[in-house]
Amino acid sequence: MLGSGESRPWLELSAEKGNAEAQFELGQWYFNPASGEPDYQAAAHWWRRAQLAGNRDAEAALALLRQRQVGLPLAQNGIQPGSDS
């Protein structure tokens, strides 16, 4: 799995360099970590970057966050509630 503990540093490095798939996967890791609590703000951050890079799965993931309204200050993370962009 891309976001497992051993591969996470590589995933982060790839995401920081602009790899949209890595950005999406890192968002997944923060949304549903193997252990510990989810970090919805970090998930939104990485999914937003992936979306801006053209990752369509990230668009769906951001829509899920908007739908669930998980207590995340969505507009602060560049996500406007009720918008599709």
PDB file of N, CA and C in Angstrom:
ATOM      1  N   MET A   1       0.841  -1.190   0.000  1.00  0.00           N
ATOM      2  CA  MET A   1       0.000   0.000   0.000  1.00  0.00           C
ATOM      3  C   MET A   1       0.884   1.251   0.000  1.00  0.00           C
ATOM      4  N   LEU A   2       0.533   2.210  -0.811  1.00  0.00           N
ATOM      5  CA  LEU A   2       1.365   3.391  -0.971  1.00  0.00           C
ATOM      6  C   LEU A   2       1.572   4.176   0.312  1.00  0.00           C
ATOM      7  N   GLY A   3       0.579   4.269   1.165  1.00  0.00           N
ATOM      8  CA  GLY A   3       0.686   5.105   2.347  1.00  0.00           C
ATOM      9  C   GLY A   3       1.135   4.385   3.591  1.00  0.00           C
ATOM     10  N   SER A   4       1.614   3.140   3.462  1.00  0.00           N
ATOM     11  CA  SER A   4       2.040   2.413   4.643  1.00  0.00           C
ATOM     12  C   SER A   4       3.235   3.110   5.278  1.00  0.00           C
ATOM     13  N   GLY A   5       3.487   2.808   6.543  1.00  0.00           N
ATOM     14  CA  GLY A   5       4.520   3.506   7.291  1.00  0.00           C
ATOM     15  C   GLY A   5       5.873   3.540   6.616  1.00  0.00           C
ATOM     16  N   GLU A   6       6.297   2.424   6.038  1.00  0.00           N
ATOM     17  CA  GLU A   6       7.622   2.356   5.424  1.00  0.00           C
ATOM     18  C   GLU A   6       7.710   3.200   4.155  1.00  0.00           C
ATOM     19  N   SER A   7       6.639   3.255   3.384  1.00  0.00           N
ATOM     20  CA  SER A   7       6.688   3.984   2.111  1.00  0.00           C
ATOM     21  C   SER A   7       6.229   5.437   2.237  1.00  0.00           C
ATOM     22  N   ARG A   8       5.722   5.809   3.387  1.00  0.00           N
ATOM     23  CA  ARG A   8       5.188   7.160   3.546  1.00  0.00           C
ATOM     24  C   ARG A   8       6.205   8.269   3.253  1.00  0.00           C
ATOM     25  N   PRO A   9       7.453   8.171   3.705  1.00  0.00           N
ATOM     26  CA  PRO A   9       8.402   9.248   3.367  1.00  0.00           C
ATOM     27  C   PRO A   9       8.560   9.433   1.851  1.00  0.00           C
ATOM     28  N   TRP A  10       8.568   8.345   1.103  1.00  0.00           N
ATOM     29  CA  TRP A  10       8.678   8.438  -0.351  1.00  0.00           C
ATOM     30  C   TRP A  10       7.421   9.051  -0.940  1.00  0.00           C
ATOM     31  N   LEU A  11       6.295   8.679  -0.377  1.00  0.00           N
ATOM     32  CA  LEU A  11       5.021   9.223  -0.828  1.00  0.00           C
ATOM     33  C   LEU A  11       4.985  10.736  -0.603  1.00  0.00           C
ATOM     34  N   GLU A  12       5.412  11.171   0.568  1.00  0.00           N
ATOM     35  CA  GLU A  12       5.443  12.601   0.880  1.00  0.00           C
ATOM     36  C   GLU A  12       6.388  13.347  -0.063  1.00  0.00           C
ATOM     37  N   LEU A  13       7.548  12.771  -0.318  1.00  0.00           N
ATOM     38  CA  LEU A  13       8.509  13.408  -1.208  1.00  0.00           C
ATOM     39  C   LEU A  13       7.923  13.560  -2.613  1.00  0.00           C
ATOM     40  N   SER A  14       7.296  12.510  -3.106  1.00  0.00           N
ATOM     41  CA  SER A  14       6.689  12.553  -4.431  1.00  0.00           C
ATOM     42  C   SER A  14       5.543  13.563  -4.477  1.00  0.00           C
ATOM     43  N   ALA A  15       4.745  13.601  -3.421  1.00  0.00           N
ATOM     44  CA  ALA A  15       3.621  14.548  -3.354  1.00  0.00           C
ATOM     45  C   ALA A  15       4.132  15.984  -3.348  1.00  0.00           C
ATOM     46  N   GLU A  16       5.174  16.241  -2.564  1.00  0.00           N
ATOM     47  CA  GLU A  16       5.754  17.588  -2.507  1.00  0.00           C
ATOM     48  C   GLU A  16       6.290  18.036  -3.860  1.00  0.00           C
ATOM     49  N   LYS A  17       6.757  17.081  -4.659  1.00  0.00           N
ATOM     50  CA  LYS A  17       7.305  17.393  -5.986  1.00  0.00           C
ATOM     51  C   LYS A  17       6.214  17.553  -7.037  1.00  0.00           C
ATOM     52  N   GLY A  18       4.938  17.376  -6.633  1.00  0.00           N
ATOM     53  CA  GLY A  18       3.839  17.642  -7.549  1.00  0.00           C
ATOM     54  C   GLY A  18       3.190  16.430  -8.176  1.00  0.00           C
ATOM     55  N   ASN A  19       3.529  15.226  -7.749  1.00  0.00           N
ATOM     56  CA  ASN A  19       2.911  14.023  -8.298  1.00  0.00           C
ATOM     57  C   ASN A  19       1.462  13.934  -7.811  1.00  0.00           C
ATOM     58  N   ALA A  20       0.514  14.093  -8.727  1.00  0.00           N
ATOM     59  CA  ALA A  20      -0.903  14.142  -8.368  1.00  0.00           C
ATOM     60  C   ALA A  20      -1.387  12.843  -7.740  1.00  0.00           C
ATOM     61  N   GLU A  21      -0.902  11.707  -8.227  1.00  0.00           N
ATOM     62  CA  GLU A  21      -1.316  10.420  -7.654  1.00  0.00           C
ATOM     63  C   GLU A  21      -0.803  10.295  -6.216  1.00  0.00           C
ATOM     64  N   ALA A  22       0.431  10.700  -5.981  1.00  0.00           N
ATOM     65  CA  ALA A  22       0.993  10.666  -4.631  1.00  0.00           C
ATOM     66  C   ALA A  22       0.236  11.627  -3.721  1.00  0.00           C
ATOM     67  N   GLN A  23      -0.142  12.791  -4.230  1.00  0.00           N
ATOM     68  CA  GLN A  23      -0.914  13.749  -3.443  1.00  0.00           C
ATOM     69  C   GLN A  23      -2.253  13.143  -3.038  1.00  0.00           C
ATOM     70  N   PHE A  24      -2.909  12.482  -3.991  1.00  0.00           N
ATOM     71  CA  PHE A  24      -4.181  11.838  -3.679  1.00  0.00           C
ATOM     72  C   PHE A  24      -3.993  10.748  -2.631  1.00  0.00           C
ATOM     73  N   GLU A  25      -2.995   9.900  -2.831  1.00  0.00           N
ATOM     74  CA  GLU A  25      -2.750   8.803  -1.887  1.00  0.00           C
ATOM     75  C   GLU A  25      -2.398   9.315  -0.499  1.00  0.00           C
ATOM     76  N   LEU A  26      -1.641  10.398  -0.426  1.00  0.00           N
ATOM     77  CA  LEU A  26      -1.301  10.972   0.869  1.00  0.00           C
ATOM     78  C   LEU A  26      -2.561  11.504   1.559  1.00  0.00           C
ATOM     79  N   GLY A  27      -3.450  12.115   0.773  1.00  0.00           N
ATOM     80  CA  GLY A  27      -4.740  12.527   1.331  1.00  0.00           C
ATOM     81  C   GLY A  27      -5.512  11.337   1.885  1.00  0.00           C
ATOM     82  N   GLN A  28      -5.476  10.231   1.150  1.00  0.00           N
ATOM     83  CA  GLN A  28      -6.141   9.008   1.620  1.00  0.00           C
ATOM     84  C   GLN A  28      -5.540   8.547   2.944  1.00  0.00           C
ATOM     85  N   TRP A  29      -4.209   8.618   3.019  1.00  0.00           N
ATOM     86  CA  TRP A  29      -3.525   8.176   4.234  1.00  0.00           C
ATOM     87  C   TRP A  29      -3.975   9.013   5.431  1.00  0.00           C
ATOM     88  N   TYR A  30      -4.071  10.326   5.244  1.00  0.00           N
ATOM     89  CA  TYR A  30      -4.506  11.190   6.344  1.00  0.00           C
ATOM     90  C   TYR A  30      -5.985  10.996   6.669  1.00  0.00           C
ATOM     91  N   PHE A  31      -6.800  10.720   5.665  1.00  0.00           N
ATOM     92  CA  PHE A  31      -8.230  10.525   5.880  1.00  0.00           C
ATOM     93  C   PHE A  31      -8.511   9.216   6.606  1.00  0.00           C
ATOM     94  N   ASN A  32      -7.746   8.179   6.280  1.00  0.00           N
ATOM     95  CA  ASN A  32      -7.979   6.857   6.851  1.00  0.00           C
ATOM     96  C   ASN A  32      -6.639   6.211   7.218  1.00  0.00           C
ATOM     97  N   PRO A  33      -6.002   6.716   8.296  1.00  0.00           N
ATOM     98  CA  PRO A  33      -4.682   6.187   8.659  1.00  0.00           C
ATOM     99  C   PRO A  33      -4.778   4.762   9.203  1.00  0.00           C
ATOM    100  N   ALA A  34      -3.699   4.013   9.073  1.00  0.00           N
ATOM    101  CA  ALA A  34      -3.657   2.644   9.586  1.00  0.00           C
ATOM    102  C   ALA A  34      -3.814   2.626  11.106  1.00  0.00           C
ATOM    103  N   SER A  35      -3.324   3.671  11.755  1.00  0.00           N
ATOM    104  CA  SER A  35      -3.493   3.790  13.207  1.00  0.00           C
ATOM    105  C   SER A  35      -3.638   5.266  13.552  1.00  0.00           C
ATOM    106  N   GLY A  36      -4.246   5.529  14.666  1.00  0.00           N
ATOM    107  CA  GLY A  36      -4.423   6.918  15.089  1.00  0.00           C
ATOM    108  C   GLY A  36      -5.676   7.547  14.503  1.00  0.00           C
ATOM    109  N   GLU A  37      -5.805   8.827  14.787  1.00  0.00           N
ATOM    110  CA  GLU A  37      -6.977   9.575  14.356  1.00  0.00           C
ATOM    111  C   GLU A  37      -6.781  10.164  12.956  1.00  0.00           C
ATOM    112  N   PRO A  38      -7.867  10.267  12.182  1.00  0.00           N
ATOM    113  CA  PRO A  38      -7.760  10.932  10.876  1.00  0.00           C
ATOM    114  C   PRO A  38      -7.419  12.412  11.047  1.00  0.00           C
ATOM    115  N   ASP A  39      -6.746  12.959  10.061  1.00  0.00           N
ATOM    116  CA  ASP A  39      -6.441  14.390  10.023  1.00  0.00           C
ATOM    117  C   ASP A  39      -7.124  14.941   8.777  1.00  0.00           C
ATOM    118  N   TYR A  40      -8.361  15.411   8.955  1.00  0.00           N
ATOM    119  CA  TYR A  40      -9.166  15.848   7.820  1.00  0.00           C
ATOM    120  C   TYR A  40      -8.591  17.096   7.154  1.00  0.00           C
ATOM    121  N   GLN A  41      -7.963  17.959   7.919  1.00  0.00           N
ATOM    122  CA  GLN A  41      -7.361  19.152   7.315  1.00  0.00           C
ATOM    123  C   GLN A  41      -6.212  18.774   6.396  1.00  0.00           C
ATOM    124  N   ALA A  42      -5.370  17.850   6.842  1.00  0.00           N
ATOM    125  CA  ALA A  42      -4.258  17.405   5.994  1.00  0.00           C
ATOM    126  C   ALA A  42      -4.791  16.662   4.772  1.00  0.00           C
ATOM    127  N   ALA A  43      -5.817  15.848   4.954  1.00  0.00           N
ATOM    128  CA  ALA A  43      -6.415  15.135   3.821  1.00  0.00           C
ATOM    129  C   ALA A  43      -6.934  16.135   2.793  1.00  0.00           C
ATOM    130  N   ALA A  44      -7.643  17.155   3.256  1.00  0.00           N
ATOM    131  CA  ALA A  44      -8.182  18.172   2.349  1.00  0.00           C
ATOM    132  C   ALA A  44      -7.053  18.908   1.632  1.00  0.00           C
ATOM    133  N   HIS A  45      -5.990  19.216   2.345  1.00  0.00           N
ATOM    134  CA  HIS A  45      -4.850  19.906   1.747  1.00  0.00           C
ATOM    135  C   HIS A  45      -4.288  19.107   0.573  1.00  0.00           C
ATOM    136  N   TRP A  46      -4.017  17.824   0.825  1.00  0.00           N
ATOM    137  CA  TRP A  46      -3.418  17.011  -0.230  1.00  0.00           C
ATOM    138  C   TRP A  46      -4.402  16.706  -1.338  1.00  0.00           C
ATOM    139  N   TRP A  47      -5.657  16.484  -1.034  1.00  0.00           N
ATOM    140  CA  TRP A  47      -6.650  16.240  -2.086  1.00  0.00           C
ATOM    141  C   TRP A  47      -6.853  17.483  -2.931  1.00  0.00           C
ATOM    142  N   ARG A  48      -6.796  18.656  -2.311  1.00  0.00           N
ATOM    143  CA  ARG A  48      -6.948  19.901  -3.076  1.00  0.00           C
ATOM    144  C   ARG A  48      -5.778  20.059  -4.049  1.00  0.00           C
ATOM    145  N   ARG A  49      -4.571  19.785  -3.590  1.00  0.00           N
ATOM    146  CA  ARG A  49      -3.407  19.862  -4.481  1.00  0.00           C
ATOM    147  C   ARG A  49      -3.532  18.857  -5.618  1.00  0.00           C
ATOM    148  N   ALA A  50      -3.996  17.647  -5.297  1.00  0.00           N
ATOM    149  CA  ALA A  50      -4.179  16.627  -6.331  1.00  0.00           C
ATOM    150  C   ALA A  50      -5.255  17.054  -7.322  1.00  0.00           C
ATOM    151  N   GLN A  51      -6.325  17.645  -6.813  1.00  0.00           N
ATOM    152  CA  GLN A  51      -7.399  18.124  -7.684  1.00  0.00           C
ATOM    153  C   GLN A  51      -6.866  19.196  -8.635  1.00  0.00           C
ATOM    154  N   LEU A  52      -6.108  20.124  -8.108  1.00  0.00           N
ATOM    155  CA  LEU A  52      -5.547  21.185  -8.941  1.00  0.00           C
ATOM    156  C   LEU A  52      -4.593  20.636 -10.001  1.00  0.00           C
ATOM    157  N   ALA A  53      -4.018  19.470  -9.716  1.00  0.00           N
ATOM    158  CA  ALA A  53      -3.120  18.819 -10.675  1.00  0.00           C
ATOM    159  C   ALA A  53      -3.884  17.916 -11.638  1.00  0.00           C
ATOM    160  N   GLY A  54      -5.224  17.881 -11.508  1.00  0.00           N
ATOM    161  CA  GLY A  54      -6.040  17.140 -12.457  1.00  0.00           C
ATOM    162  C   GLY A  54      -6.481  15.757 -12.021  1.00  0.00           C
ATOM    163  N   ASN A  55      -6.292  15.408 -10.767  1.00  0.00           N
ATOM    164  CA  ASN A  55      -6.701  14.088 -10.290  1.00  0.00           C
ATOM    165  C   ASN A  55      -8.200  14.083 -10.003  1.00  0.00           C
ATOM    166  N   ARG A  56      -8.949  13.324 -10.786  1.00  0.00           N
ATOM    167  CA  ARG A  56     -10.406  13.304 -10.655  1.00  0.00           C
ATOM    168  C   ARG A  56     -10.868  12.579  -9.389  1.00  0.00           C
ATOM    169  N   ASP A  57     -10.104  11.617  -8.923  1.00  0.00           N
ATOM    170  CA  ASP A  57     -10.458  10.946  -7.667  1.00  0.00           C
ATOM    171  C   ASP A  57     -10.417  11.931  -6.508  1.00  0.00           C
ATOM    172  N   ALA A  58      -9.503  12.889  -6.581  1.00  0.00           N
ATOM    173  CA  ALA A  58      -9.400  13.904  -5.529  1.00  0.00           C
ATOM    174  C   ALA A  58     -10.652  14.772  -5.508  1.00  0.00           C
ATOM    175  N   GLU A  59     -11.208  15.055  -6.666  1.00  0.00           N
ATOM    176  CA  GLU A  59     -12.452  15.825  -6.719  1.00  0.00           C
ATOM    177  C   GLU A  59     -13.556  15.105  -5.959  1.00  0.00           C
ATOM    178  N   ALA A  60     -13.659  13.808  -6.164  1.00  0.00           N
ATOM    179  CA  ALA A  60     -14.679  13.019  -5.474  1.00  0.00           C
ATOM    180  C   ALA A  60     -14.420  12.980  -3.969  1.00  0.00           C
ATOM    181  N   ALA A  61     -13.149  12.866  -3.585  1.00  0.00           N
ATOM    182  CA  ALA A  61     -12.801  12.832  -2.162  1.00  0.00           C
ATOM    183  C   ALA A  61     -13.151  14.156  -1.485  1.00  0.00           C
ATOM    184  N   LEU A  62     -12.888  15.262  -2.156  1.00  0.00           N
ATOM    185  CA  LEU A  62     -13.231  16.572  -1.599  1.00  0.00           C
ATOM    186  C   LEU A  62     -14.743  16.730  -1.491  1.00  0.00           C
ATOM    187  N   ALA A  63     -15.459  16.209  -2.462  1.00  0.00           N
ATOM    188  CA  ALA A  63     -16.920  16.268  -2.403  1.00  0.00           C
ATOM    189  C   ALA A  63     -17.424  15.471  -1.204  1.00  0.00           C
ATOM    190  N   LEU A  64     -16.788  14.350  -0.913  1.00  0.00           N
ATOM    191  CA  LEU A  64     -17.160  13.546   0.250  1.00  0.00           C
ATOM    192  C   LEU A  64     -16.934  14.341   1.538  1.00  0.00           C
ATOM    193  N   LEU A  65     -15.812  15.032   1.637  1.00  0.00           N
ATOM    194  CA  LEU A  65     -15.568  15.864   2.823  1.00  0.00           C
ATOM    195  C   LEU A  65     -16.628  16.947   2.957  1.00  0.00           C
ATOM    196  N   ARG A  66     -16.969  17.582   1.837  1.00  0.00           N
ATOM    197  CA  ARG A  66     -18.007  18.621   1.885  1.00  0.00           C
ATOM    198  C   ARG A  66     -19.333  18.024   2.339  1.00  0.00           C
ATOM    199  N   GLN A  67     -19.655  16.852   1.801  1.00  0.00           N
ATOM    200  CA  GLN A  67     -20.928  16.215   2.136  1.00  0.00           C
ATOM    201  C   GLN A  67     -20.984  15.843   3.614  1.00  0.00           C
ATOM    202  N   ARG A  68     -19.916  15.305   4.114  1.00  0.00           N
ATOM    203  CA  ARG A  68     -19.881  14.879   5.515  1.00  0.00           C
ATOM    204  C   ARG A  68     -19.732  16.042   6.479  1.00  0.00           C
ATOM    205  N   GLN A  69     -19.198  17.148   5.997  1.00  0.00           N
ATOM    206  CA  GLN A  69     -18.950  18.318   6.839  1.00  0.00           C
ATOM    207  C   GLN A  69     -18.329  17.879   8.164  1.00  0.00           C
ATOM    208  N   VAL A  70     -17.146  17.339   8.075  1.00  0.00           N
ATOM    209  CA  VAL A  70     -16.484  16.694   9.207  1.00  0.00           C
ATOM    210  C   VAL A  70     -15.883  17.675  10.206  1.00  0.00           C
ATOM    211  N   GLY A  71     -16.416  18.883  10.270  1.00  0.00           N
ATOM    212  CA  GLY A  71     -15.881  19.848  11.206  1.00  0.00           C
ATOM    213  C   GLY A  71     -14.645  20.543  10.673  1.00  0.00           C
ATOM    214  N   LEU A  72     -14.395  20.405   9.415  1.00  0.00           N
ATOM    215  CA  LEU A  72     -13.239  20.995   8.760  1.00  0.00           C
ATOM    216  C   LEU A  72     -13.585  22.389   8.282  1.00  0.00           C
ATOM    217  N   PRO A  73     -12.758  23.378   8.573  1.00  0.00           N
ATOM    218  CA  PRO A  73     -13.014  24.712   8.018  1.00  0.00           C
ATOM    219  C   PRO A  73     -12.710  24.698   6.526  1.00  0.00           C
ATOM    220  N   LEU A  74     -13.688  24.278   5.731  1.00  0.00           N
ATOM    221  CA  LEU A  74     -13.480  23.992   4.316  1.00  0.00           C
ATOM    222  C   LEU A  74     -12.959  25.182   3.528  1.00  0.00           C
ATOM    223  N   ALA A  75     -13.538  26.351   3.703  1.00  0.00           N
ATOM    224  CA  ALA A  75     -13.110  27.511   2.919  1.00  0.00           C
ATOM    225  C   ALA A  75     -11.656  27.860   3.221  1.00  0.00           C
ATOM    226  N   GLN A  76     -11.222  27.643   4.442  1.00  0.00           N
ATOM    227  CA  GLN A  76      -9.851  27.942   4.826  1.00  0.00           C
ATOM    228  C   GLN A  76      -8.866  27.087   4.030  1.00  0.00           C
ATOM    229  N   ASN A  77      -9.297  25.910   3.597  1.00  0.00           N
ATOM    230  CA  ASN A  77      -8.425  25.016   2.853  1.00  0.00           C
ATOM    231  C   ASN A  77      -8.642  25.122   1.357  1.00  0.00           C
ATOM    232  N   GLY A  78      -9.283  26.183   0.915  1.00  0.00           N
ATOM    233  CA  GLY A  78      -9.493  26.367  -0.508  1.00  0.00           C
ATOM    234  C   GLY A  78     -10.678  25.611  -1.054  1.00  0.00           C
ATOM    235  N   ILE A  79     -11.499  25.060  -0.165  1.00  0.00           N
ATOM    236  CA  ILE A  79     -12.667  24.312  -0.591  1.00  0.00           C
ATOM    237  C   ILE A  79     -13.892  25.121  -0.208  1.00  0.00           C
ATOM    238  N   GLN A  80     -14.664  25.485  -1.166  1.00  0.00           N
ATOM    239  CA  GLN A  80     -15.870  26.253  -0.895  1.00  0.00           C
ATOM    240  C   GLN A  80     -17.061  25.316  -0.783  1.00  0.00           C
ATOM    241  N   PRO A  81     -17.715  25.247   0.367  1.00  0.00           N
ATOM    242  CA  PRO A  81     -18.895  24.401   0.495  1.00  0.00           C
ATOM    243  C   PRO A  81     -19.903  24.714  -0.586  1.00  0.00           C
ATOM    244  N   GLY A  82     -20.404  23.663  -1.210  1.00  0.00           N
ATOM    245  CA  GLY A  82     -21.423  23.844  -2.234  1.00  0.00           C
ATOM    246  C   GLY A  82     -20.875  24.156  -3.606  1.00  0.00           C
ATOM    247  N   SER A  83     -19.551  24.278  -3.743  1.00  0.00           N
ATOM    248  CA  SER A  83     -18.990  24.535  -5.074  1.00  0.00           C
ATOM    249  C   SER A  83     -18.354  23.256  -5.581  1.00  0.00           C
ATOM    250  N   ASP A  84     -18.254  23.143  -6.885  1.00  0.00           N
ATOM    251  CA  ASP A  84     -17.648  21.959  -7.469  1.00  0.00           C
ATOM    252  C   ASP A  84     -16.216  22.188  -7.891  1.00  0.00           C
ATOM    253  N   SER A  85     -15.662  23.328  -7.565  1.00  0.00           N
ATOM    254  CA  SER A  85     -14.278  23.607  -7.976  1.00  0.00           C
ATOM    255  C   SER A  85     -13.341  23.525  -6.803  1.00  0.00           C
TER     256      SER A  85
END
